[in-house]
Amino acid sequence: MQRSLVLAFLGLLLAAPALMAQEGTNHVEVGAFADYFNLSRTSPHINFVGVGGRAAFNVRSNVQIEAEMAYDFKRNFTTTFSDGVTTRFVDTNLRTLHALFGPKFGTSGGPVRLFGTFKAGLINFSVSGQNAGSGFQSAIGDVTTGNTAAAIYPGAGLEGFIGPIGLRAEVGDEIYFKNGSHNNLRVTFGPTLRF
């Protein structure tokens, strides 16, 4: 699976110049974002917060191919015990890594654009007591050996630009497949540069 993902990514990198030359544009976007992910399979739900990055290139003026990766930090959550009064913070040490790839379809022209996207990829769940940097490296290493599941992500959002600098907000349903399908709310927000 890892070899197939690497070959697909390299093929896209090699095809990008030809695709952009057909359209006559050199439009590329890169961005960073804050990531909110609501893991709904657990009870209570765990709300993760993390950071990520994305890169996209135009196939047409309103169609882009985009890849993104995000890492969510470990979280505490509150649990109530059987007496109904006592609560306690519980540290999960659970972290998530998202890697998604697919098209983004936007409205044409103007400084403000609506868009929709449908991406596919993977989500990795890892358990670690390490700090964020080491935890991220462990999660990357665990993709082929850890608790990884296929994922799809339909989403929609709004982006606005003043010249090459913009802001982007997006909301969607990250659905991963592990003993059935599991729907999870995901929201991202952050700056974008286009050139």
Protein backbone atom coordinates (compact mmCIF):
# COMPACT_ATOMS: atom_id res chain seq x y z
CA MET A 1 0.00 0.00 0.00
CA GLN A 2 2.82 2.43 0.89
CA ARG A 3 4.56 1.78 -2.44
CA SER A 4 1.30 2.44 -4.33
CA LEU A 5 0.77 5.75 -2.51
CA VAL A 6 4.33 6.87 -3.28
CA LEU A 7 3.99 5.91 -6.97
CA ALA A 8 0.65 7.73 -7.27
CA PHE A 9 2.11 10.85 -5.66
CA LEU A 10 5.17 10.81 -7.93
CA GLY A 11 2.96 10.33 -10.99
CA LEU A 12 0.92 13.36 -10.02
CA LEU A 13 4.04 15.46 -9.52
CA LEU A 14 5.27 14.50 -12.97
CA ALA A 15 1.86 15.15 -14.56
CA ALA A 16 1.35 18.54 -12.89
CA PRO A 17 3.41 20.63 -15.35
CA ALA A 18 1.66 19.08 -18.33
CA LEU A 19 -1.77 19.65 -16.81
CA MET A 20 -0.99 23.27 -15.99
CA ALA A 21 0.49 23.88 -19.46
CA GLN A 22 -2.76 22.70 -21.06
CA GLU A 23 -4.71 25.33 -19.17
CA GLY A 24 -2.07 28.04 -19.65
CA THR A 25 -1.88 28.94 -15.97
CA ASN A 26 0.75 28.55 -13.27
CA HIS A 27 -1.60 28.74 -10.32
CA VAL A 28 -0.44 26.98 -7.14
CA GLU A 29 -1.82 27.31 -3.60
CA VAL A 30 -0.14 26.37 -0.33
CA GLY A 31 -1.52 26.81 3.14
CA ALA A 32 -1.42 25.92 6.79
CA PHE A 33 -4.46 25.35 8.97
CA ALA A 34 -5.78 24.64 12.42
CA ASP A 35 -7.69 21.37 12.46
CA TYR A 36 -10.70 20.37 14.61
CA PHE A 37 -11.72 16.70 14.49
CA ASN A 38 -14.64 15.22 16.42
CA LEU A 39 -14.05 11.49 16.91
CA SER A 40 -17.63 10.30 17.21
CA ARG A 41 -16.96 6.58 17.70
CA THR A 42 -16.00 7.04 21.34
CA SER A 43 -18.40 7.78 24.15
CA PRO A 44 -18.14 10.59 25.03
CA HIS A 45 -16.91 11.98 21.70
CA ILE A 46 -13.30 13.21 21.77
CA ASN A 47 -12.66 16.64 20.27
CA PHE A 48 -9.16 16.79 18.77
CA VAL A 49 -7.31 19.96 17.79
CA GLY A 50 -4.23 19.95 15.60
CA VAL A 51 -2.33 21.58 12.76
CA GLY A 52 -1.87 20.74 9.11
CA GLY A 53 -0.70 21.84 5.71
CA ARG A 54 -1.97 21.57 2.16
CA ALA A 55 -0.79 22.18 -1.39
CA ALA A 56 -2.82 22.41 -4.59
CA PHE A 57 -2.33 23.12 -8.27
CA ASN A 58 -4.84 24.23 -10.87
CA VAL A 59 -6.09 21.85 -13.52
CA ARG A 60 -8.55 24.56 -14.66
CA SER A 61 -9.37 27.96 -13.22
CA ASN A 62 -12.05 26.44 -10.97
CA VAL A 63 -10.64 22.90 -10.45
CA GLN A 64 -7.61 22.04 -8.34
CA ILE A 65 -5.90 18.84 -7.27
CA GLU A 66 -5.07 19.10 -3.58
CA ALA A 67 -3.14 17.10 -0.99
CA GLU A 68 -3.20 17.74 2.73
CA MET A 69 -1.90 16.27 5.96
CA ALA A 70 -2.90 17.10 9.54
CA TYR A 71 -1.79 15.92 12.96
CA ASP A 72 -4.06 16.13 16.01
CA PHE A 73 -2.56 16.36 19.48
CA LYS A 74 -3.52 14.12 22.40
CA ARG A 75 -6.58 15.28 24.33
CA ASN A 76 -8.08 15.19 27.77
CA PHE A 77 -11.78 14.57 28.20
CA THR A 78 -14.11 14.61 31.18
CA THR A 79 -15.84 11.47 32.33
CA THR A 80 -18.58 11.15 34.95
CA PHE A 81 -18.56 8.22 37.34
CA SER A 82 -21.54 6.08 38.34
CA ASP A 83 -22.54 8.29 41.28
CA GLY A 84 -23.45 11.03 38.75
CA VAL A 85 -21.56 13.72 40.67
CA THR A 86 -17.87 12.85 40.50
CA THR A 87 -16.00 13.83 37.36
CA ARG A 88 -12.42 13.32 36.32
CA PHE A 89 -10.15 14.40 33.48
CA VAL A 90 -8.80 11.44 31.54
CA ASP A 91 -5.74 11.73 29.28
CA THR A 92 -6.33 9.62 26.15
CA ASN A 93 -2.79 9.69 24.65
CA LEU A 94 -4.66 8.97 21.40
CA ARG A 95 -3.50 11.01 18.41
CA THR A 96 -4.75 11.12 14.83
CA LEU A 97 -2.91 11.69 11.56
CA HIS A 98 -4.95 12.56 8.46
CA ALA A 99 -3.59 12.32 4.88
CA LEU A 100 -6.08 13.18 2.12
CA PHE A 101 -5.85 13.81 -1.62
CA GLY A 102 -8.41 14.79 -4.25
CA PRO A 103 -10.10 17.47 -6.34
CA LYS A 104 -11.42 20.83 -5.17
CA PHE A 105 -14.14 22.51 -7.26
CA GLY A 106 -14.63 26.24 -6.79
CA THR A 107 -16.64 29.11 -8.16
CA SER A 108 -14.79 31.10 -10.81
CA GLY A 109 -13.32 34.55 -10.34
CA GLY A 110 -13.56 37.16 -7.65
CA PRO A 111 -11.72 37.57 -4.36
CA VAL A 112 -14.22 35.35 -2.48
CA ARG A 113 -14.94 31.80 -3.63
CA LEU A 114 -17.15 28.96 -2.50
CA PHE A 115 -15.81 25.46 -3.05
CA GLY A 116 -16.56 21.80 -2.60
CA THR A 117 -14.11 18.94 -2.31
CA PHE A 118 -14.02 15.16 -2.23
CA LYS A 119 -10.79 13.60 -1.03
CA ALA A 120 -9.65 10.08 -0.26
CA GLY A 121 -6.76 8.88 1.83
CA LEU A 122 -6.13 7.50 5.27
CA ILE A 123 -6.43 8.19 8.94
CA ASN A 124 -4.00 6.76 11.47
CA PHE A 125 -4.72 6.35 15.16
CA SER A 126 -1.70 6.08 17.41
CA VAL A 127 -1.30 6.02 21.18
CA SER A 128 1.75 7.78 22.54
CA GLY A 129 2.84 9.65 25.65
CA GLN A 130 5.52 11.49 23.63
CA ASN A 131 5.58 15.22 23.01
CA ALA A 132 3.96 16.58 19.81
CA GLY A 133 7.09 16.46 17.61
CA SER A 134 8.06 12.92 18.55
CA GLY A 135 4.42 11.82 18.47
CA PHE A 136 4.08 13.10 14.89
CA GLN A 137 7.20 11.18 13.82
CA SER A 138 5.85 8.03 15.49
CA ALA A 139 2.48 8.45 13.76
CA ILE A 140 4.20 8.74 10.36
CA GLY A 141 6.14 5.55 11.12
CA ASP A 142 2.97 3.76 12.27
CA VAL A 143 1.04 4.38 9.03
CA THR A 144 2.07 1.01 7.58
CA THR A 145 2.22 -0.93 10.84
CA GLY A 146 -0.23 0.83 13.16
CA ASN A 147 -3.96 1.34 13.35
CA THR A 148 -4.56 2.88 9.89
CA ALA A 149 -7.89 3.00 8.06
CA ALA A 150 -9.02 4.18 4.63
CA ALA A 151 -10.91 7.47 4.70
CA ILE A 152 -12.98 9.67 2.42
CA TYR A 153 -13.80 13.31 2.98
CA PRO A 154 -16.61 15.27 1.33
CA GLY A 155 -16.43 18.92 2.37
CA ALA A 156 -17.29 22.49 1.46
CA GLY A 157 -15.92 25.87 2.35
CA LEU A 158 -15.21 29.51 1.66
CA GLU A 159 -11.94 31.23 0.80
CA GLY A 160 -11.15 34.89 0.35
CA PHE A 161 -8.06 36.55 -1.13
CA ILE A 162 -6.51 39.99 -1.13
CA GLY A 163 -3.88 39.60 -3.81
CA PRO A 164 -1.93 36.39 -3.16
CA ILE A 165 -2.83 36.17 0.55
CA GLY A 166 -6.04 34.55 1.68
CA LEU A 167 -7.99 32.85 4.44
CA ARG A 168 -9.83 29.57 4.05
CA ALA A 169 -12.51 27.88 6.17
CA GLU A 170 -13.76 24.38 5.46
CA VAL A 171 -16.15 21.91 7.06
CA GLY A 172 -16.79 18.29 6.14
CA ASP A 173 -17.42 14.71 7.16
CA GLU A 174 -14.31 12.56 7.43
CA ILE A 175 -15.57 9.02 7.05
CA TYR A 176 -13.16 6.24 7.93
CA PHE A 177 -13.73 2.54 7.37
CA LYS A 178 -12.84 0.23 10.24
CA ASN A 179 -15.42 -2.47 11.06
CA GLY A 180 -17.98 -0.39 9.18
CA SER A 181 -18.06 3.30 8.31
CA HIS A 182 -17.68 6.03 10.93
CA ASN A 183 -18.70 9.66 10.32
CA ASN A 184 -16.72 12.42 12.04
CA LEU A 185 -17.07 16.20 11.85
CA ARG A 186 -13.90 17.97 10.68
CA VAL A 187 -13.31 21.74 10.47
CA THR A 188 -10.19 23.53 9.22
CA PHE A 189 -9.26 27.22 9.15
CA GLY A 190 -6.08 28.97 8.13
CA PRO A 191 -4.06 31.17 5.80
CA THR A 192 -3.44 30.39 2.12
CA LEU A 193 -0.92 31.75 -0.38
CA ARG A 194 -1.39 31.50 -4.13
CA PHE A 195 1.14 32.12 -6.86
